[in-house]
Amino acid sequence: MAEYHVYQPAAGHGLAHDPLNSIVAPRPIGWISTRGADGVANLAPYSFFNLFNYDPPILGFASSGWKDSVRNIAATGEFAWNLVTRPLAEAMNATSAAAPPEVDEFALAGLAAEPCLRIGAPRVAESPVCFECRLSQLIRLKGADGKEIDSWLVLGEAVTVRIDTRLIVEGAYVTTAAQPILRGGGAADYFSIGEEQLFRMRRPG
């Protein structure tokens, strides 16, 4: 018979490391580029990120604390999401540094900032996929007790999608061709995916 480690998060997990983000893993990375009202570009990765709707396409990320990305988006109503690939992993990691608002993380990581088509925020030129987004909702999260917490959910509508055509084969985007990486748990765990992990199931009926 299986034994279980059971805990109430409010009382602590009782383990050497919090298992939460290792269990809900791997997760897509929200590599978010913005431009502040002062014109300074910002680029930062967020591991609480996903796509939430098809039509219109809505994606979002959550920030623990009112960080530069959220401040810039609140001021301008725009951001871009950039796909993180295995060749860009180290550059992405460099942009996770806790830098002051006047620091341009594009320059910090040795990346090229290219203009987007419909928004003022720049995109990562080296990334093969970019979603240009306009803010649809900015939500401060609350606990079950109704109290606000220092975490912010940013939702945006993708108004332009840019895809490197080398990733499109016979009219279909090939996920593994981009070598995407995903965030695992702990302080340093990431995952890559390849064709060997692929299996298919059709919905019943």
C-alpha atoms as a PDB file:
ATOM      1  CA  MET A   1       0.000   0.000   0.000  1.00  0.00           C
ATOM      2  CA  ALA A   2       1.284   3.452  -0.907  1.00  0.00           C
ATOM      3  CA  GLU A   3       2.307   5.882   1.805  1.00  0.00           C
ATOM      4  CA  TYR A   4       1.827   9.622   1.350  1.00  0.00           C
ATOM      5  CA  HIS A   5       3.534  12.745   2.595  1.00  0.00           C
ATOM      6  CA  VAL A   6       0.617  14.998   3.483  1.00  0.00           C
ATOM      7  CA  TYR A   7       0.941  18.641   4.503  1.00  0.00           C
ATOM      8  CA  GLN A   8      -0.951  21.908   4.671  1.00  0.00           C
ATOM      9  CA  PRO A   9       1.020  24.593   2.777  1.00  0.00           C
ATOM     10  CA  ALA A  10       0.213  27.275   5.344  1.00  0.00           C
ATOM     11  CA  ALA A  11       1.955  25.173   8.008  1.00  0.00           C
ATOM     12  CA  GLY A  12       4.988  24.311   5.860  1.00  0.00           C
ATOM     13  CA  HIS A  13       5.872  21.315   3.711  1.00  0.00           C
ATOM     14  CA  GLY A  14       8.353  19.685   6.089  1.00  0.00           C
ATOM     15  CA  LEU A  15      10.778  18.772   3.293  1.00  0.00           C
ATOM     16  CA  ALA A  16      14.238  19.997   2.357  1.00  0.00           C
ATOM     17  CA  HIS A  17      12.751  21.801  -0.675  1.00  0.00           C
ATOM     18  CA  ASP A  18       9.228  22.979  -1.503  1.00  0.00           C
ATOM     19  CA  PRO A  19       7.812  20.316  -3.860  1.00  0.00           C
ATOM     20  CA  LEU A  20       5.120  22.512  -5.431  1.00  0.00           C
ATOM     21  CA  ASN A  21       6.967  23.744  -8.503  1.00  0.00           C
ATOM     22  CA  SER A  22       8.608  20.347  -8.988  1.00  0.00           C
ATOM     23  CA  ILE A  23       5.206  18.666  -9.113  1.00  0.00           C
ATOM     24  CA  VAL A  24       3.624  21.178 -11.484  1.00  0.00           C
ATOM     25  CA  ALA A  25       6.398  20.745 -14.023  1.00  0.00           C
ATOM     26  CA  PRO A  26       7.803  21.163 -16.510  1.00  0.00           C
ATOM     27  CA  ARG A  27       6.278  24.538 -17.292  1.00  0.00           C
ATOM     28  CA  PRO A  28       6.596  26.791 -20.352  1.00  0.00           C
ATOM     29  CA  ILE A  29       8.755  29.846 -19.801  1.00  0.00           C
ATOM     30  CA  GLY A  30       7.317  33.315 -20.170  1.00  0.00           C
ATOM     31  CA  TRP A  31      10.276  35.252 -21.588  1.00  0.00           C
ATOM     32  CA  ILE A  32       8.667  38.665 -21.445  1.00  0.00           C
ATOM     33  CA  SER A  33      10.030  41.757 -23.151  1.00  0.00           C
ATOM     34  CA  THR A  34       8.704  45.219 -22.365  1.00  0.00           C
ATOM     35  CA  ARG A  35       9.640  48.851 -22.686  1.00  0.00           C
ATOM     36  CA  GLY A  36       9.131  51.252 -19.825  1.00  0.00           C
ATOM     37  CA  ALA A  37       7.559  54.666 -20.057  1.00  0.00           C
ATOM     38  CA  ASP A  38      11.147  55.975 -19.823  1.00  0.00           C
ATOM     39  CA  GLY A  39      12.077  54.080 -23.001  1.00  0.00           C
ATOM     40  CA  VAL A  40      14.324  51.508 -21.306  1.00  0.00           C
ATOM     41  CA  ALA A  41      13.873  47.936 -22.564  1.00  0.00           C
ATOM     42  CA  ASN A  42      13.371  45.082 -20.103  1.00  0.00           C
ATOM     43  CA  LEU A  43      13.576  41.325 -20.598  1.00  0.00           C
ATOM     44  CA  ALA A  44      12.809  38.741 -17.908  1.00  0.00           C
ATOM     45  CA  PRO A  45      11.763  35.076 -17.666  1.00  0.00           C
ATOM     46  CA  TYR A  46       8.727  33.893 -15.699  1.00  0.00           C
ATOM     47  CA  SER A  47       8.040  30.238 -14.942  1.00  0.00           C
ATOM     48  CA  PHE A  48       4.364  30.776 -14.075  1.00  0.00           C
ATOM     49  CA  PHE A  49       3.240  31.184 -17.694  1.00  0.00           C
ATOM     50  CA  ASN A  50       0.818  29.606 -20.146  1.00  0.00           C
ATOM     51  CA  LEU A  51      -1.699  30.013 -22.985  1.00  0.00           C
ATOM     52  CA  PHE A  52      -5.294  30.359 -21.815  1.00  0.00           C
ATOM     53  CA  ASN A  53      -7.527  30.935 -24.833  1.00  0.00           C
ATOM     54  CA  TYR A  54      -7.633  30.345 -28.595  1.00  0.00           C
ATOM     55  CA  ASP A  55      -9.892  33.070 -29.965  1.00  0.00           C
ATOM     56  CA  PRO A  56      -8.757  35.641 -29.216  1.00  0.00           C
ATOM     57  CA  PRO A  57      -5.374  34.166 -28.242  1.00  0.00           C
ATOM     58  CA  ILE A  58      -4.819  35.028 -24.577  1.00  0.00           C
ATOM     59  CA  LEU A  59      -1.600  34.223 -22.743  1.00  0.00           C
ATOM     60  CA  GLY A  60      -0.421  35.224 -19.337  1.00  0.00           C
ATOM     61  CA  PHE A  61       2.196  35.094 -16.636  1.00  0.00           C
ATOM     62  CA  ALA A  62       2.280  35.667 -12.907  1.00  0.00           C
ATOM     63  CA  SER A  63       4.892  37.790 -11.167  1.00  0.00           C
ATOM     64  CA  SER A  64       5.737  37.403  -7.489  1.00  0.00           C
ATOM     65  CA  GLY A  65       6.021  41.062  -6.606  1.00  0.00           C
ATOM     66  CA  TRP A  66       5.539  44.251  -8.614  1.00  0.00           C
ATOM     67  CA  LYS A  67       8.571  43.760 -10.855  1.00  0.00           C
ATOM     68  CA  ASP A  68       9.820  45.850 -13.778  1.00  0.00           C
ATOM     69  CA  SER A  69       7.886  43.783 -16.335  1.00  0.00           C
ATOM     70  CA  VAL A  70       4.569  44.363 -14.581  1.00  0.00           C
ATOM     71  CA  ARG A  71       5.311  48.038 -13.991  1.00  0.00           C
ATOM     72  CA  ASN A  72       6.147  48.539 -17.676  1.00  0.00           C
ATOM     73  CA  ILE A  73       3.057  46.670 -18.871  1.00  0.00           C
ATOM     74  CA  ALA A  74       0.811  48.622 -16.500  1.00  0.00           C
ATOM     75  CA  ALA A  75       2.261  51.849 -17.923  1.00  0.00           C
ATOM     76  CA  THR A  76       2.250  50.948 -21.639  1.00  0.00           C
ATOM     77  CA  GLY A  77      -0.336  48.176 -22.017  1.00  0.00           C
ATOM     78  CA  GLU A  78       2.051  46.072 -24.137  1.00  0.00           C
ATOM     79  CA  PHE A  79       4.493  43.177 -23.936  1.00  0.00           C
ATOM     80  CA  ALA A  80       6.027  40.498 -26.132  1.00  0.00           C
ATOM     81  CA  TRP A  81       6.530  36.819 -25.381  1.00  0.00           C
ATOM     82  CA  ASN A  82       9.657  35.223 -26.820  1.00  0.00           C
ATOM     83  CA  LEU A  83      10.157  31.460 -27.150  1.00  0.00           C
ATOM     84  CA  VAL A  84      13.133  30.147 -25.158  1.00  0.00           C
ATOM     85  CA  THR A  85      15.082  27.472 -27.029  1.00  0.00           C
ATOM     86  CA  ARG A  86      18.032  25.322 -25.952  1.00  0.00           C
ATOM     87  CA  PRO A  87      20.561  27.550 -27.764  1.00  0.00           C
ATOM     88  CA  LEU A  88      19.111  30.564 -25.903  1.00  0.00           C
ATOM     89  CA  ALA A  89      19.017  28.940 -22.458  1.00  0.00           C
ATOM     90  CA  GLU A  90      22.107  30.648 -21.059  1.00  0.00           C
ATOM     91  CA  ALA A  91      21.018  34.054 -22.387  1.00  0.00           C
ATOM     92  CA  MET A  92      17.584  33.570 -20.848  1.00  0.00           C
ATOM     93  CA  ASN A  93      19.201  32.693 -17.538  1.00  0.00           C
ATOM     94  CA  ALA A  94      21.287  35.872 -17.692  1.00  0.00           C
ATOM     95  CA  THR A  95      18.110  37.936 -17.991  1.00  0.00           C
ATOM     96  CA  SER A  96      16.833  36.491 -14.702  1.00  0.00           C
ATOM     97  CA  ALA A  97      19.393  38.565 -12.772  1.00  0.00           C
ATOM     98  CA  ALA A  98      17.956  41.022 -10.269  1.00  0.00           C
ATOM     99  CA  ALA A  99      18.951  44.195 -12.107  1.00  0.00           C
ATOM    100  CA  PRO A 100      17.765  47.765 -11.420  1.00  0.00           C
ATOM    101  CA  PRO A 101      15.148  49.271 -13.765  1.00  0.00           C
ATOM    102  CA  GLU A 102      17.693  51.309 -15.726  1.00  0.00           C
ATOM    103  CA  VAL A 103      19.557  48.151 -16.841  1.00  0.00           C
ATOM    104  CA  ASP A 104      18.734  46.827 -20.326  1.00  0.00           C
ATOM    105  CA  GLU A 105      18.702  43.026 -20.030  1.00  0.00           C
ATOM    106  CA  PHE A 106      19.028  42.645 -23.801  1.00  0.00           C
ATOM    107  CA  ALA A 107      22.482  44.211 -23.555  1.00  0.00           C
ATOM    108  CA  LEU A 108      23.222  42.330 -20.330  1.00  0.00           C
ATOM    109  CA  ALA A 109      22.612  38.974 -22.059  1.00  0.00           C
ATOM    110  CA  GLY A 110      24.191  39.921 -25.398  1.00  0.00           C
ATOM    111  CA  LEU A 111      20.880  39.738 -27.268  1.00  0.00           C
ATOM    112  CA  ALA A 112      19.592  41.879 -30.112  1.00  0.00           C
ATOM    113  CA  ALA A 113      16.403  43.866 -29.481  1.00  0.00           C
ATOM    114  CA  GLU A 114      14.329  44.126 -32.659  1.00  0.00           C
ATOM    115  CA  PRO A 115      11.221  46.275 -33.140  1.00  0.00           C
ATOM    116  CA  CYS A 116       7.853  44.568 -33.084  1.00  0.00           C
ATOM    117  CA  LEU A 117       5.247  45.277 -35.755  1.00  0.00           C
ATOM    118  CA  ARG A 118       2.279  46.485 -33.705  1.00  0.00           C
ATOM    119  CA  ILE A 119       3.585  47.243 -30.225  1.00  0.00           C
ATOM    120  CA  GLY A 120       6.338  49.447 -28.856  1.00  0.00           C
ATOM    121  CA  ALA A 121       8.039  46.706 -26.826  1.00  0.00           C
ATOM    122  CA  PRO A 122      11.031  45.054 -28.516  1.00  0.00           C
ATOM    123  CA  ARG A 123      11.371  41.358 -29.276  1.00  0.00           C
ATOM    124  CA  VAL A 124      14.347  39.009 -28.947  1.00  0.00           C
ATOM    125  CA  ALA A 125      15.755  38.846 -32.480  1.00  0.00           C
ATOM    126  CA  GLU A 126      17.374  35.464 -31.841  1.00  0.00           C
ATOM    127  CA  SER A 127      14.119  33.808 -30.725  1.00  0.00           C
ATOM    128  CA  PRO A 128      12.290  31.899 -33.495  1.00  0.00           C
ATOM    129  CA  VAL A 129       8.786  32.696 -32.189  1.00  0.00           C
ATOM    130  CA  CYS A 130       7.309  35.893 -30.795  1.00  0.00           C
ATOM    131  CA  PHE A 131       3.809  36.891 -29.711  1.00  0.00           C
ATOM    132  CA  GLU A 132       3.157  40.626 -29.665  1.00  0.00           C
ATOM    133  CA  CYS A 133       0.594  41.228 -26.934  1.00  0.00           C
ATOM    134  CA  ARG A 134      -1.682  43.967 -25.718  1.00  0.00           C
ATOM    135  CA  LEU A 135      -2.730  43.927 -22.081  1.00  0.00           C
ATOM    136  CA  SER A 136      -6.232  42.606 -21.501  1.00  0.00           C
ATOM    137  CA  GLN A 137      -6.240  42.156 -17.712  1.00  0.00           C
ATOM    138  CA  LEU A 138      -3.902  42.894 -14.809  1.00  0.00           C
ATOM    139  CA  ILE A 139      -5.086  41.068 -11.707  1.00  0.00           C
ATOM    140  CA  ARG A 140      -3.735  41.100  -8.174  1.00  0.00           C
ATOM    141  CA  LEU A 141      -4.077  37.571  -6.805  1.00  0.00           C
ATOM    142  CA  LYS A 142      -5.923  36.732  -3.598  1.00  0.00           C
ATOM    143  CA  GLY A 143      -5.844  33.829  -1.191  1.00  0.00           C
ATOM    144  CA  ALA A 144      -8.896  31.749  -0.333  1.00  0.00           C
ATOM    145  CA  ASP A 145      -9.461  34.120   2.588  1.00  0.00           C
ATOM    146  CA  GLY A 146      -9.924  37.005   0.167  1.00  0.00           C
ATOM    147  CA  LYS A 147      -6.740  38.794   1.217  1.00  0.00           C
ATOM    148  CA  GLU A 148      -4.618  40.256  -1.557  1.00  0.00           C
ATOM    149  CA  ILE A 149      -1.126  38.844  -1.948  1.00  0.00           C
ATOM    150  CA  ASP A 150       1.987  40.333  -3.518  1.00  0.00           C
ATOM    151  CA  SER A 151       1.547  38.478  -6.800  1.00  0.00           C
ATOM    152  CA  TRP A 152       0.206  39.771 -10.117  1.00  0.00           C
ATOM    153  CA  LEU A 153      -1.384  37.926 -13.049  1.00  0.00           C
ATOM    154  CA  VAL A 154      -0.829  39.619 -16.410  1.00  0.00           C
ATOM    155  CA  LEU A 155      -3.056  38.534 -19.288  1.00  0.00           C
ATOM    156  CA  GLY A 156      -2.529  39.750 -22.824  1.00  0.00           C
ATOM    157  CA  GLU A 157      -4.035  39.229 -26.262  1.00  0.00           C
ATOM    158  CA  ALA A 158      -1.579  38.219 -28.966  1.00  0.00           C
ATOM    159  CA  VAL A 159      -2.186  40.676 -31.805  1.00  0.00           C
ATOM    160  CA  THR A 160       0.730  39.506 -33.964  1.00  0.00           C
ATOM    161  CA  VAL A 161       2.469  36.109 -34.089  1.00  0.00           C
ATOM    162  CA  ARG A 162       5.898  35.736 -35.712  1.00  0.00           C
ATOM    163  CA  ILE A 163       7.230  32.228 -36.528  1.00  0.00           C
ATOM    164  CA  ASP A 164      10.510  31.249 -38.174  1.00  0.00           C
ATOM    165  CA  THR A 165       9.336  29.438 -41.319  1.00  0.00           C
ATOM    166  CA  ARG A 166      11.916  26.700 -40.765  1.00  0.00           C
ATOM    167  CA  LEU A 167       9.673  25.478 -37.952  1.00  0.00           C
ATOM    168  CA  ILE A 168       6.679  25.007 -40.271  1.00  0.00           C
ATOM    169  CA  VAL A 169       6.522  21.748 -42.235  1.00  0.00           C
ATOM    170  CA  GLU A 170       3.624  21.011 -44.608  1.00  0.00           C
ATOM    171  CA  GLY A 171       1.578  23.748 -42.977  1.00  0.00           C
ATOM    172  CA  ALA A 172       2.104  22.562 -39.398  1.00  0.00           C
ATOM    173  CA  TYR A 173       4.304  24.047 -36.686  1.00  0.00           C
ATOM    174  CA  VAL A 174       6.762  21.384 -35.487  1.00  0.00           C
ATOM    175  CA  THR A 175       7.135  21.877 -31.735  1.00  0.00           C
ATOM    176  CA  THR A 176      10.351  19.921 -31.299  1.00  0.00           C
ATOM    177  CA  ALA A 177      12.120  21.608 -34.224  1.00  0.00           C
ATOM    178  CA  ALA A 178      12.546  24.767 -32.142  1.00  0.00           C
ATOM    179  CA  GLN A 179      14.226  22.876 -29.273  1.00  0.00           C
ATOM    180  CA  PRO A 180      12.069  24.559 -26.624  1.00  0.00           C
ATOM    181  CA  ILE A 181      13.070  24.307 -22.984  1.00  0.00           C
ATOM    182  CA  LEU A 182      10.786  24.232 -19.969  1.00  0.00           C
ATOM    183  CA  ARG A 183      11.204  25.053 -16.301  1.00  0.00           C
ATOM    184  CA  GLY A 184      11.381  22.292 -13.738  1.00  0.00           C
ATOM    185  CA  GLY A 185      11.535  22.535  -9.970  1.00  0.00           C
ATOM    186  CA  GLY A 186      14.310  23.483  -7.611  1.00  0.00           C
ATOM    187  CA  ALA A 187      16.814  26.230  -8.172  1.00  0.00           C
ATOM    188  CA  ALA A 188      18.266  25.019 -11.445  1.00  0.00           C
ATOM    189  CA  ASP A 189      16.153  22.326 -13.157  1.00  0.00           C
ATOM    190  CA  TYR A 190      15.132  22.693 -16.789  1.00  0.00           C
ATOM    191  CA  PHE A 191      13.896  20.211 -19.376  1.00  0.00           C
ATOM    192  CA  SER A 192      14.165  19.971 -23.132  1.00  0.00           C
ATOM    193  CA  ILE A 193      11.814  17.957 -25.318  1.00  0.00           C
ATOM    194  CA  GLY A 194      12.400  15.927 -28.459  1.00  0.00           C
ATOM    195  CA  GLU A 195      10.672  13.519 -30.804  1.00  0.00           C
ATOM    196  CA  GLU A 196      11.453  10.626 -28.440  1.00  0.00           C
ATOM    197  CA  GLN A 197       8.944  12.054 -25.929  1.00  0.00           C
ATOM    198  CA  LEU A 198       6.177  12.400 -28.511  1.00  0.00           C
ATOM    199  CA  PHE A 199       3.094  10.177 -28.468  1.00  0.00           C
ATOM    200  CA  ARG A 200      -0.351  10.798 -29.881  1.00  0.00           C
ATOM    201  CA  MET A 201      -3.891  10.170 -28.644  1.00  0.00           C
ATOM    202  CA  ARG A 202      -7.102  11.157 -30.371  1.00  0.00           C
ATOM    203  CA  ARG A 203     -10.065  12.360 -28.350  1.00  0.00           C
ATOM    204  CA  PRO A 204     -12.834   9.759 -28.118  1.00  0.00           C
ATOM    205  CA  GLY A 205     -15.946  10.194 -30.210  1.00  0.00           C
END
